[in-house]
Amino acid sequence: MNTLSVRRAGFALGGACGLLYFGCVFVMLTVPKEAVVRFFNSIMHGWDVEPIMRWDMPWWEAAIGVLEFSILGWLFGSLVAVLYNIGARPRG
Protein backbone atom coordinates (compact mmCIF):
# COMPACT_ATOMS: atom_id res chain seq x y z
CA MET A 1 0.00 0.00 0.00
CA ASN A 2 1.22 3.53 -0.74
CA THR A 3 2.31 5.95 1.98
CA LEU A 4 2.26 9.73 2.08
CA SER A 5 5.30 11.95 2.41
CA VAL A 6 4.87 13.72 5.73
CA ARG A 7 6.86 16.76 4.58
CA ARG A 8 4.99 17.10 1.25
CA ALA A 9 1.58 16.70 2.83
CA GLY A 10 2.53 19.32 5.44
CA PHE A 11 3.71 21.79 2.82
CA ALA A 12 0.64 21.19 0.66
CA LEU A 13 -1.83 21.91 3.44
CA GLY A 14 0.34 24.68 4.90
CA GLY A 15 0.52 26.42 1.52
CA ALA A 16 -3.22 26.04 0.99
CA CYS A 17 -3.94 27.52 4.43
CA GLY A 18 -1.57 30.42 3.78
CA LEU A 19 -3.27 31.18 0.46
CA LEU A 20 -6.69 30.96 2.11
CA TYR A 21 -5.67 33.45 4.80
CA PHE A 22 -4.12 35.75 2.21
CA GLY A 23 -7.34 35.55 0.18
CA CYS A 24 -9.34 36.51 3.26
CA VAL A 25 -7.08 39.53 3.84
CA PHE A 26 -7.41 40.49 0.16
CA VAL A 27 -11.21 40.35 0.33
CA MET A 28 -11.27 42.49 3.46
CA LEU A 29 -9.00 45.09 1.84
CA THR A 30 -10.79 45.35 -1.50
CA VAL A 31 -14.50 44.79 -0.86
CA PRO A 32 -16.84 47.22 0.95
CA LYS A 33 -17.40 46.49 4.64
CA GLU A 34 -21.10 45.62 4.28
CA ALA A 35 -20.38 43.10 1.52
CA VAL A 36 -17.56 41.49 3.53
CA VAL A 37 -19.82 41.11 6.57
CA ARG A 38 -22.61 39.65 4.41
CA PHE A 39 -20.13 37.26 2.73
CA PHE A 40 -18.66 35.94 5.98
CA ASN A 41 -22.08 35.75 7.63
CA SER A 42 -23.25 33.51 4.79
CA ILE A 43 -20.19 31.26 5.20
CA MET A 44 -20.84 31.00 8.94
CA HIS A 45 -24.52 29.98 8.42
CA GLY A 46 -25.95 33.29 9.60
CA TRP A 47 -23.69 33.77 12.61
CA ASP A 48 -23.05 37.53 12.89
CA VAL A 49 -19.30 38.04 12.55
CA GLU A 50 -19.36 41.85 12.43
CA PRO A 51 -18.66 42.37 16.16
CA ILE A 52 -15.51 40.21 16.01
CA MET A 53 -14.06 41.56 12.74
CA ARG A 54 -11.12 43.97 12.87
CA TRP A 55 -10.87 46.60 10.17
CA ASP A 56 -7.73 48.38 11.40
CA MET A 57 -5.23 45.53 11.20
CA PRO A 58 -1.71 46.67 10.22
CA TRP A 59 -0.02 44.93 7.28
CA TRP A 60 2.65 43.30 9.47
CA GLU A 61 -0.02 41.69 11.65
CA ALA A 62 -1.69 40.25 8.54
CA ALA A 63 1.69 38.89 7.38
CA ILE A 64 2.23 37.24 10.77
CA GLY A 65 -1.27 35.74 10.50
CA VAL A 66 -0.43 34.23 7.09
CA LEU A 67 2.77 32.74 8.55
CA GLU A 68 1.03 31.36 11.65
CA PHE A 69 -1.85 29.88 9.66
CA SER A 70 0.65 28.28 7.26
CA ILE A 71 2.58 26.73 10.14
CA LEU A 72 -0.62 25.36 11.69
CA GLY A 73 -1.62 23.96 8.30
CA TRP A 74 1.81 22.35 7.92
CA LEU A 75 1.49 20.72 11.34
CA PHE A 76 -2.03 19.46 10.61
CA GLY A 77 -1.07 18.16 7.14
CA SER A 78 1.91 16.35 8.62
CA LEU A 79 -0.27 14.83 11.33
CA VAL A 80 -2.75 13.59 8.74
CA ALA A 81 0.08 12.00 6.72
CA VAL A 82 1.56 10.31 9.82
CA LEU A 83 -1.83 8.91 10.83
CA TYR A 84 -2.52 7.79 7.25
CA ASN A 85 0.85 6.02 7.10
CA ILE A 86 0.18 4.27 10.42
CA GLY A 87 -3.15 3.06 9.06
CA ALA A 88 -1.56 1.99 5.75
CA ARG A 89 0.95 -0.38 7.35
CA PRO A 90 0.59 -3.99 6.29
CA ARG A 91 -0.96 -6.19 8.94
CA GLY A 92 0.93 -9.15 10.32
PDB file of N, CA and C in Angstrom:
ATOM      1  N   MET A   1       0.841  -1.178   0.000  1.00  0.00           N
ATOM      2  CA  MET A   1       0.000   0.000   0.000  1.00  0.00           C
ATOM      3  C   MET A   1       0.887   1.243   0.000  1.00  0.00           C
ATOM      4  N   ASN A   2       0.449   2.299  -0.646  1.00  0.00           N
ATOM      5  CA  ASN A   2       1.219   3.527  -0.737  1.00  0.00           C
ATOM      6  C   ASN A   2       1.202   4.296   0.585  1.00  0.00           C
ATOM      7  N   THR A   3       2.250   5.071   0.814  1.00  0.00           N
ATOM      8  CA  THR A   3       2.306   5.948   1.977  1.00  0.00           C
ATOM      9  C   THR A   3       2.430   7.392   1.500  1.00  0.00           C
ATOM     10  N   LEU A   4       2.167   8.308   2.391  1.00  0.00           N
ATOM     11  CA  LEU A   4       2.259   9.732   2.082  1.00  0.00           C
ATOM     12  C   LEU A   4       3.562  10.298   2.626  1.00  0.00           C
ATOM     13  N   SER A   5       4.145  11.221   1.905  1.00  0.00           N
ATOM     14  CA  SER A   5       5.296  11.953   2.406  1.00  0.00           C
ATOM     15  C   SER A   5       4.796  12.956   3.440  1.00  0.00           C
ATOM     16  N   VAL A   6       5.307  12.848   4.650  1.00  0.00           N
ATOM     17  CA  VAL A   6       4.875  13.723   5.733  1.00  0.00           C
ATOM     18  C   VAL A   6       5.214  15.177   5.398  1.00  0.00           C
ATOM     19  N   ARG A   7       6.420  15.400   4.905  1.00  0.00           N
ATOM     20  CA  ARG A   7       6.857  16.757   4.575  1.00  0.00           C
ATOM     21  C   ARG A   7       6.014  17.352   3.437  1.00  0.00           C
ATOM     22  N   ARG A   8       5.777  16.582   2.388  1.00  0.00           N
ATOM     23  CA  ARG A   8       4.994  17.096   1.251  1.00  0.00           C
ATOM     24  C   ARG A   8       3.549  17.369   1.629  1.00  0.00           C
ATOM     25  N   ALA A   9       2.961  16.478   2.400  1.00  0.00           N
ATOM     26  CA  ALA A   9       1.577  16.704   2.835  1.00  0.00           C
ATOM     27  C   ALA A   9       1.495  17.941   3.721  1.00  0.00           C
ATOM     28  N   GLY A  10       2.486  18.127   4.588  1.00  0.00           N
ATOM     29  CA  GLY A  10       2.526  19.318   5.442  1.00  0.00           C
ATOM     30  C   GLY A  10       2.639  20.586   4.623  1.00  0.00           C
ATOM     31  N   PHE A  11       3.551  20.595   3.653  1.00  0.00           N
ATOM     32  CA  PHE A  11       3.714  21.785   2.822  1.00  0.00           C
ATOM     33  C   PHE A  11       2.485  22.045   1.956  1.00  0.00           C
ATOM     34  N   ALA A  12       1.837  21.007   1.480  1.00  0.00           N
ATOM     35  CA  ALA A  12       0.640  21.187   0.656  1.00  0.00           C
ATOM     36  C   ALA A  12      -0.475  21.852   1.463  1.00  0.00           C
ATOM     37  N   LEU A  13      -0.759  21.329   2.637  1.00  0.00           N
ATOM     38  CA  LEU A  13      -1.825  21.914   3.439  1.00  0.00           C
ATOM     39  C   LEU A  13      -1.406  23.263   4.010  1.00  0.00           C
ATOM     40  N   GLY A  14      -0.146  23.400   4.399  1.00  0.00           N
ATOM     41  CA  GLY A  14       0.338  24.683   4.896  1.00  0.00           C
ATOM     42  C   GLY A  14       0.243  25.771   3.841  1.00  0.00           C
ATOM     43  N   GLY A  15       0.624  25.450   2.611  1.00  0.00           N
ATOM     44  CA  GLY A  15       0.517  26.418   1.518  1.00  0.00           C
ATOM     45  C   GLY A  15      -0.920  26.779   1.217  1.00  0.00           C
ATOM     46  N   ALA A  16      -1.798  25.785   1.236  1.00  0.00           N
ATOM     47  CA  ALA A  16      -3.217  26.038   0.991  1.00  0.00           C
ATOM     48  C   ALA A  16      -3.809  26.932   2.084  1.00  0.00           C
ATOM     49  N   CYS A  17      -3.439  26.691   3.329  1.00  0.00           N
ATOM     50  CA  CYS A  17      -3.939  27.515   4.432  1.00  0.00           C
ATOM     51  C   CYS A  17      -3.410  28.945   4.321  1.00  0.00           C
ATOM     52  N   GLY A  18      -2.139  29.095   3.960  1.00  0.00           N
ATOM     53  CA  GLY A  18      -1.573  30.424   3.782  1.00  0.00           C
ATOM     54  C   GLY A  18      -2.273  31.194   2.677  1.00  0.00           C
ATOM     55  N   LEU A  19      -2.552  30.525   1.560  1.00  0.00           N
ATOM     56  CA  LEU A  19      -3.272  31.176   0.463  1.00  0.00           C
ATOM     57  C   LEU A  19      -4.695  31.537   0.868  1.00  0.00           C
ATOM     58  N   LEU A  20      -5.343  30.678   1.632  1.00  0.00           N
ATOM     59  CA  LEU A  20      -6.692  30.955   2.107  1.00  0.00           C
ATOM     60  C   LEU A  20      -6.704  32.192   2.997  1.00  0.00           C
ATOM     61  N   TYR A  21      -5.758  32.288   3.906  1.00  0.00           N
ATOM     62  CA  TYR A  21      -5.672  33.445   4.798  1.00  0.00           C
ATOM     63  C   TYR A  21      -5.376  34.709   4.003  1.00  0.00           C
ATOM     64  N   PHE A  22      -4.447  34.607   3.058  1.00  0.00           N
ATOM     65  CA  PHE A  22      -4.117  35.753   2.209  1.00  0.00           C
ATOM     66  C   PHE A  22      -5.342  36.192   1.406  1.00  0.00           C
ATOM     67  N   GLY A  23      -6.114  35.231   0.904  1.00  0.00           N
ATOM     68  CA  GLY A  23      -7.342  35.552   0.184  1.00  0.00           C
ATOM     69  C   GLY A  23      -8.345  36.270   1.061  1.00  0.00           C
ATOM     70  N   CYS A  24      -8.442  35.860   2.306  1.00  0.00           N
ATOM     71  CA  CYS A  24      -9.335  36.514   3.258  1.00  0.00           C
ATOM     72  C   CYS A  24      -8.900  37.964   3.479  1.00  0.00           C
ATOM     73  N   VAL A  25      -7.610  38.175   3.670  1.00  0.00           N
ATOM     74  CA  VAL A  25      -7.078  39.529   3.839  1.00  0.00           C
ATOM     75  C   VAL A  25      -7.359  40.362   2.592  1.00  0.00           C
ATOM     76  N   PHE A  26      -7.167  39.783   1.411  1.00  0.00           N
ATOM     77  CA  PHE A  26      -7.405  40.493   0.158  1.00  0.00           C
ATOM     78  C   PHE A  26      -8.870  40.926   0.034  1.00  0.00           C
ATOM     79  N   VAL A  27      -9.783  40.018   0.386  1.00  0.00           N
ATOM     80  CA  VAL A  27     -11.208  40.346   0.328  1.00  0.00           C
ATOM     81  C   VAL A  27     -11.518  41.495   1.282  1.00  0.00           C
ATOM     82  N   MET A  28     -10.987  41.444   2.482  1.00  0.00           N
ATOM     83  CA  MET A  28     -11.268  42.485   3.463  1.00  0.00           C
ATOM     84  C   MET A  28     -10.694  43.839   3.051  1.00  0.00           C
ATOM     85  N   LEU A  29      -9.602  43.827   2.272  1.00  0.00           N
ATOM     86  CA  LEU A  29      -9.001  45.090   1.837  1.00  0.00           C
ATOM     87  C   LEU A  29      -9.676  45.687   0.607  1.00  0.00           C
ATOM     88  N   THR A  30     -10.307  44.872  -0.213  1.00  0.00           N
ATOM     89  CA  THR A  30     -10.791  45.353  -1.502  1.00  0.00           C
ATOM     90  C   THR A  30     -12.304  45.447  -1.626  1.00  0.00           C
ATOM     91  N   VAL A  31     -13.036  44.832  -0.739  1.00  0.00           N
ATOM     92  CA  VAL A  31     -14.500  44.788  -0.861  1.00  0.00           C
ATOM     93  C   VAL A  31     -15.097  45.690   0.224  1.00  0.00           C
ATOM     94  N   PRO A  32     -16.202  46.378  -0.065  1.00  0.00           N
ATOM     95  CA  PRO A  32     -16.837  47.221   0.952  1.00  0.00           C
ATOM     96  C   PRO A  32     -17.220  46.432   2.208  1.00  0.00           C
ATOM     97  N   LYS A  33     -17.181  47.122   3.339  1.00  0.00           N
ATOM     98  CA  LYS A  33     -17.396  46.494   4.642  1.00  0.00           C
ATOM     99  C   LYS A  33     -18.706  45.708   4.710  1.00  0.00           C
ATOM    100  N   GLU A  34     -19.798  46.293   4.213  1.00  0.00           N
ATOM    101  CA  GLU A  34     -21.099  45.623   4.284  1.00  0.00           C
ATOM    102  C   GLU A  34     -21.099  44.321   3.495  1.00  0.00           C
ATOM    103  N   ALA A  35     -20.440  44.315   2.344  1.00  0.00           N
ATOM    104  CA  ALA A  35     -20.377  43.100   1.522  1.00  0.00           C
ATOM    105  C   ALA A  35     -19.511  42.037   2.187  1.00  0.00           C
ATOM    106  N   VAL A  36     -18.425  42.449   2.828  1.00  0.00           N
ATOM    107  CA  VAL A  36     -17.557  41.492   3.533  1.00  0.00           C
ATOM    108  C   VAL A  36     -18.326  40.835   4.677  1.00  0.00           C
ATOM    109  N   VAL A  37     -19.032  41.648   5.456  1.00  0.00           N
ATOM    110  CA  VAL A  37     -19.816  41.105   6.573  1.00  0.00           C
ATOM    111  C   VAL A  37     -20.874  40.146   6.053  1.00  0.00           C
ATOM    112  N   ARG A  38     -21.585  40.524   4.987  1.00  0.00           N
ATOM    113  CA  ARG A  38     -22.611  39.649   4.405  1.00  0.00           C
ATOM    114  C   ARG A  38     -21.996  38.346   3.894  1.00  0.00           C
ATOM    115  N   PHE A  39     -20.809  38.441   3.253  1.00  0.00           N
ATOM    116  CA  PHE A  39     -20.126  37.256   2.729  1.00  0.00           C
ATOM    117  C   PHE A  39     -19.748  36.293   3.855  1.00  0.00           C
ATOM    118  N   PHE A  40     -19.091  36.822   4.897  1.00  0.00           N
ATOM    119  CA  PHE A  40     -18.656  35.937   5.983  1.00  0.00           C
ATOM    120  C   PHE A  40     -19.830  35.440   6.822  1.00  0.00           C
ATOM    121  N   ASN A  41     -20.885  36.242   6.947  1.00  0.00           N
ATOM    122  CA  ASN A  41     -22.083  35.753   7.634  1.00  0.00           C
ATOM    123  C   ASN A  41     -22.698  34.575   6.887  1.00  0.00           C
ATOM    124  N   SER A  42     -22.678  34.622   5.557  1.00  0.00           N
ATOM    125  CA  SER A  42     -23.249  33.509   4.792  1.00  0.00           C
ATOM    126  C   SER A  42     -22.391  32.255   4.914  1.00  0.00           C
ATOM    127  N   ILE A  43     -21.080  32.416   5.002  1.00  0.00           N
ATOM    128  CA  ILE A  43     -20.192  31.261   5.196  1.00  0.00           C
ATOM    129  C   ILE A  43     -20.425  30.637   6.572  1.00  0.00           C
ATOM    130  N   MET A  44     -20.682  31.479   7.563  1.00  0.00           N
ATOM    131  CA  MET A  44     -20.841  31.003   8.944  1.00  0.00           C
ATOM    132  C   MET A  44     -22.299  30.656   9.268  1.00  0.00           C
ATOM    133  N   HIS A  45     -23.134  30.407   8.251  1.00  0.00           N
ATOM    134  CA  HIS A  45     -24.517  29.977   8.422  1.00  0.00           C
ATOM    135  C   HIS A  45     -25.339  30.975   9.231  1.00  0.00           C
ATOM    136  N   GLY A  46     -25.140  32.265   8.953  1.00  0.00           N
ATOM    137  CA  GLY A  46     -25.947  33.286   9.596  1.00  0.00           C
ATOM    138  C   GLY A  46     -25.398  33.815  10.901  1.00  0.00           C
ATOM    139  N   TRP A  47     -24.300  33.271  11.381  1.00  0.00           N
ATOM    140  CA  TRP A  47     -23.688  33.769  12.607  1.00  0.00           C
ATOM    141  C   TRP A  47     -23.135  35.156  12.321  1.00  0.00           C
ATOM    142  N   ASP A  48     -23.476  36.146  13.130  1.00  0.00           N
ATOM    143  CA  ASP A  48     -23.055  37.527  12.891  1.00  0.00           C
ATOM    144  C   ASP A  48     -21.596  37.706  13.297  1.00  0.00           C
ATOM    145  N   VAL A  49     -20.732  37.907  12.300  1.00  0.00           N
ATOM    146  CA  VAL A  49     -19.302  38.040  12.552  1.00  0.00           C
ATOM    147  C   VAL A  49     -18.856  39.491  12.661  1.00  0.00           C
ATOM    148  N   GLU A  50     -19.759  40.441  12.416  1.00  0.00           N
ATOM    149  CA  GLU A  50     -19.360  41.853  12.426  1.00  0.00           C
ATOM    150  C   GLU A  50     -18.739  42.298  13.752  1.00  0.00           C
ATOM    151  N   PRO A  51     -19.269  41.902  14.915  1.00  0.00           N
ATOM    152  CA  PRO A  51     -18.657  42.372  16.163  1.00  0.00           C
ATOM    153  C   PRO A  51     -17.230  41.856  16.391  1.00  0.00           C
ATOM    154  N   ILE A  52     -16.848  40.763  15.768  1.00  0.00           N
ATOM    155  CA  ILE A  52     -15.509  40.210  16.010  1.00  0.00           C
ATOM    156  C   ILE A  52     -14.519  40.529  14.894  1.00  0.00           C
ATOM    157  N   MET A  53     -14.961  41.225  13.849  1.00  0.00           N
ATOM    158  CA  MET A  53     -14.058  41.556  12.742  1.00  0.00           C
ATOM    159  C   MET A  53     -13.270  42.822  13.069  1.00  0.00           C
ATOM    160  N   ARG A  54     -11.978  42.798  12.697  1.00  0.00           N
ATOM    161  CA  ARG A  54     -11.121  43.965  12.870  1.00  0.00           C
ATOM    162  C   ARG A  54     -10.865  44.597  11.517  1.00  0.00           C
ATOM    163  N   TRP A  55     -11.051  45.895  11.434  1.00  0.00           N
ATOM    164  CA  TRP A  55     -10.865  46.605  10.173  1.00  0.00           C
ATOM    165  C   TRP A  55      -9.591  47.438  10.173  1.00  0.00           C
ATOM    166  N   ASP A  56      -8.912  47.528  11.296  1.00  0.00           N
ATOM    167  CA  ASP A  56      -7.728  48.379  11.405  1.00  0.00           C
ATOM    168  C   ASP A  56      -6.444  47.574  11.608  1.00  0.00           C
ATOM    169  N   MET A  57      -6.389  46.399  11.025  1.00  0.00           N
ATOM    170  CA  MET A  57      -5.232  45.528  11.201  1.00  0.00           C
ATOM    171  C   MET A  57      -4.049  46.034  10.361  1.00  0.00           C
ATOM    172  N   PRO A  58      -2.882  46.238  10.989  1.00  0.00           N
ATOM    173  CA  PRO A  58      -1.710  46.666  10.216  1.00  0.00           C
ATOM    174  C   PRO A  58      -1.205  45.539   9.311  1.00  0.00           C
ATOM    175  N   TRP A  59      -0.485  45.906   8.266  1.00  0.00           N
ATOM    176  CA  TRP A  59      -0.018  44.926   7.276  1.00  0.00           C
ATOM    177  C   TRP A  59       0.878  43.871   7.904  1.00  0.00           C
ATOM    178  N   TRP A  60       1.716  44.269   8.868  1.00  0.00           N
ATOM    179  CA  TRP A  60       2.648  43.305   9.471  1.00  0.00           C
ATOM    180  C   TRP A  60       1.903  42.268  10.301  1.00  0.00           C
ATOM    181  N   GLU A  61       0.771  42.651  10.893  1.00  0.00           N
ATOM    182  CA  GLU A  61      -0.022  41.690  11.652  1.00  0.00           C
ATOM    183  C   GLU A  61      -0.689  40.683  10.715  1.00  0.00           C
ATOM    184  N   ALA A  62      -1.120  41.151   9.538  1.00  0.00           N
ATOM    185  CA  ALA A  62      -1.692  40.246   8.541  1.00  0.00           C
ATOM    186  C   ALA A  62      -0.632  39.277   8.029  1.00  0.00           C
ATOM    187  N   ALA A  63       0.602  39.759   7.835  1.00  0.00           N
ATOM    188  CA  ALA A  63       1.689  38.892   7.382  1.00  0.00           C
ATOM    189  C   ALA A  63       2.015  37.829   8.429  1.00  0.00           C
ATOM    190  N   ILE A  64       2.000  38.211   9.696  1.00  0.00           N
ATOM    191  CA  ILE A  64       2.231  37.239  10.773  1.00  0.00           C
ATOM    192  C   ILE A  64       1.101  36.214  10.794  1.00  0.00           C
ATOM    193  N   GLY A  65      -0.131  36.659  10.545  1.00  0.00           N
ATOM    194  CA  GLY A  65      -1.269  35.738  10.495  1.00  0.00           C
ATOM    195  C   GLY A  65      -1.126  34.717   9.378  1.00  0.00           C
ATOM    196  N   VAL A  66      -0.664  35.161   8.200  1.00  0.00           N
ATOM    197  CA  VAL A  66      -0.426  34.230   7.092  1.00  0.00           C
ATOM    198  C   VAL A  66       0.611  33.197   7.504  1.00  0.00           C
ATOM    199  N   LEU A  67       1.699  33.650   8.114  1.00  0.00           N
ATOM    200  CA  LEU A  67       2.765  32.743   8.546  1.00  0.00           C
ATOM    201  C   LEU A  67       2.252  31.750   9.593  1.00  0.00           C
ATOM    202  N   GLU A  68       1.544  32.249  10.592  1.00  0.00           N
ATOM    203  CA  GLU A  68       1.026  31.364  11.646  1.00  0.00           C
ATOM    204  C   GLU A  68       0.038  30.339  11.098  1.00  0.00           C
ATOM    205  N   PHE A  69      -0.858  30.786  10.229  1.00  0.00           N
ATOM    206  CA  PHE A  69      -1.851  29.880   9.655  1.00  0.00           C
ATOM    207  C   PHE A  69      -1.176  28.834   8.772  1.00  0.00           C
ATOM    208  N   SER A  70      -0.120  29.231   8.078  1.00  0.00           N
ATOM    209  CA  SER A  70       0.646  28.279   7.256  1.00  0.00           C
ATOM    210  C   SER A  70       1.334  27.238   8.122  1.00  0.00           C
ATOM    211  N   ILE A  71       1.903  27.678   9.224  1.00  0.00           N
ATOM    212  CA  ILE A  71       2.575  26.734  10.138  1.00  0.00           C
ATOM    213  C   ILE A  71       1.566  25.755  10.734  1.00  0.00           C
ATOM    214  N   LEU A  72       0.415  26.264  11.162  1.00  0.00           N
ATOM    215  CA  LEU A  72      -0.615  25.362  11.694  1.00  0.00           C
ATOM    216  C   LEU A  72      -1.092  24.378  10.636  1.00  0.00           C
ATOM    217  N   GLY A  73      -1.235  24.851   9.400  1.00  0.00           N
ATOM    218  CA  GLY A  73      -1.616  23.959   8.302  1.00  0.00           C
ATOM    219  C   GLY A  73      -0.557  22.910   8.048  1.00  0.00           C
ATOM    220  N   TRP A  74       0.720  23.303   8.120  1.00  0.00           N
ATOM    221  CA  TRP A  74       1.806  22.345   7.924  1.00  0.00           C
ATOM    222  C   TRP A  74       1.749  21.266   9.008  1.00  0.00           C
ATOM    223  N   LEU A  75       1.562  21.687  10.242  1.00  0.00           N
ATOM    224  CA  LEU A  75       1.486  20.717  11.339  1.00  0.00           C
ATOM    225  C   LEU A  75       0.308  19.773  11.161  1.00  0.00           C
ATOM    226  N   PHE A  76      -0.850  20.306  10.788  1.00  0.00           N
ATOM    227  CA  PHE A  76      -2.026  19.464  10.605  1.00  0.00           C
ATOM    228  C   PHE A  76      -1.853  18.526   9.418  1.00  0.00           C
ATOM    229  N   GLY A  77      -1.315  19.018   8.301  1.00  0.00           N
ATOM    230  CA  GLY A  77      -1.072  18.164   7.138  1.00  0.00           C
ATOM    231  C   GLY A  77      -0.089  17.048   7.449  1.00  0.00           C
ATOM    232  N   SER A  78       0.940  17.371   8.215  1.00  0.00           N
ATOM    233  CA  SER A  78       1.913  16.351   8.620  1.00  0.00           C
ATOM    234  C   SER A  78       1.271  15.306   9.517  1.00  0.00           C
ATOM    235  N   LEU A  79       0.437  15.761  10.441  1.00  0.00           N
ATOM    236  CA  LEU A  79      -0.267  14.834  11.328  1.00  0.00           C
ATOM    237  C   LEU A  79      -1.165  13.891  10.541  1.00  0.00           C
ATOM    238  N   VAL A  80      -1.891  14.431   9.566  1.00  0.00           N
ATOM    239  CA  VAL A  80      -2.753  13.588   8.737  1.00  0.00           C
ATOM    240  C   VAL A  80      -1.922  12.544   7.999  1.00  0.00           C
ATOM    241  N   ALA A  81      -0.771  12.944   7.444  1.00  0.00           N
ATOM    242  CA  ALA A  81       0.083  12.001   6.719  1.00  0.00           C
ATOM    243  C   ALA A  81       0.623  10.923   7.648  1.00  0.00           C
ATOM    244  N   VAL A  82       1.047  11.298   8.857  1.00  0.00           N
ATOM    245  CA  VAL A  82       1.555  10.307   9.817  1.00  0.00           C
ATOM    246  C   VAL A  82       0.460   9.308  10.175  1.00  0.00           C
ATOM    247  N   LEU A  83      -0.731   9.818  10.470  1.00  0.00           N
ATOM    248  CA  LEU A  83      -1.829   8.912  10.830  1.00  0.00           C
ATOM    249  C   LEU A  83      -2.235   8.026   9.654  1.00  0.00           C
ATOM    250  N   TYR A  84      -2.217   8.583   8.449  1.00  0.00           N
ATOM    251  CA  TYR A  84      -2.517   7.786   7.255  1.00  0.00           C
ATOM    252  C   TYR A  84      -1.481   6.667   7.097  1.00  0.00           C
ATOM    253  N   ASN A  85      -0.218   7.018   7.254  1.00  0.00           N
ATOM    254  CA  ASN A  85       0.845   6.021   7.104  1.00  0.00           C
ATOM    255  C   ASN A  85       0.767   4.928   8.163  1.00  0.00           C
ATOM    256  N   ILE A  86       0.360   5.287   9.369  1.00  0.00           N
ATOM    257  CA  ILE A  86       0.177   4.275  10.422  1.00  0.00           C
ATOM    258  C   ILE A  86      -0.951   3.318  10.011  1.00  0.00           C
ATOM    259  N   GLY A  87      -2.033   3.889   9.489  1.00  0.00           N
ATOM    260  CA  GLY A  87      -3.147   3.057   9.065  1.00  0.00           C
ATOM    261  C   GLY A  87      -2.855   2.249   7.807  1.00  0.00           C
ATOM    262  N   ALA A  88      -1.876   2.678   7.014  1.00  0.00           N
ATOM    263  CA  ALA A  88      -1.563   1.994   5.746  1.00  0.00           C
ATOM    264  C   ALA A  88      -0.530   0.878   5.927  1.00  0.00           C
ATOM    265  N   ARG A  89      -0.025   0.694   7.128  1.00  0.00           N
ATOM    266  CA  ARG A  89       0.949  -0.380   7.353  1.00  0.00           C
ATOM    267  C   ARG A  89       0.332  -1.741   7.083  1.00  0.00           C
ATOM    268  N   PRO A  90       1.115  -2.628   6.489  1.00  0.00           N
ATOM    269  CA  PRO A  90       0.591  -3.987   6.288  1.00  0.00           C
ATOM    270  C   PRO A  90       0.384  -4.702   7.624  1.00  0.00           C
ATOM    271  N   ARG A  91      -0.642  -5.450   7.710  1.00  0.00           N
ATOM    272  CA  ARG A  91      -0.956  -6.189   8.944  1.00  0.00           C
ATOM    273  C   ARG A  91      -0.165  -7.493   8.959  1.00  0.00           C
ATOM    274  N   GLY A  92       0.282  -7.839  10.161  1.00  0.00           N
ATOM    275  CA  GLY A  92       0.928  -9.150  10.320  1.00  0.00           C
ATOM    276  C   GLY A  92       2.317  -9.121  10.004  1.00  0.00           C
TER     277      GLY A  92
END
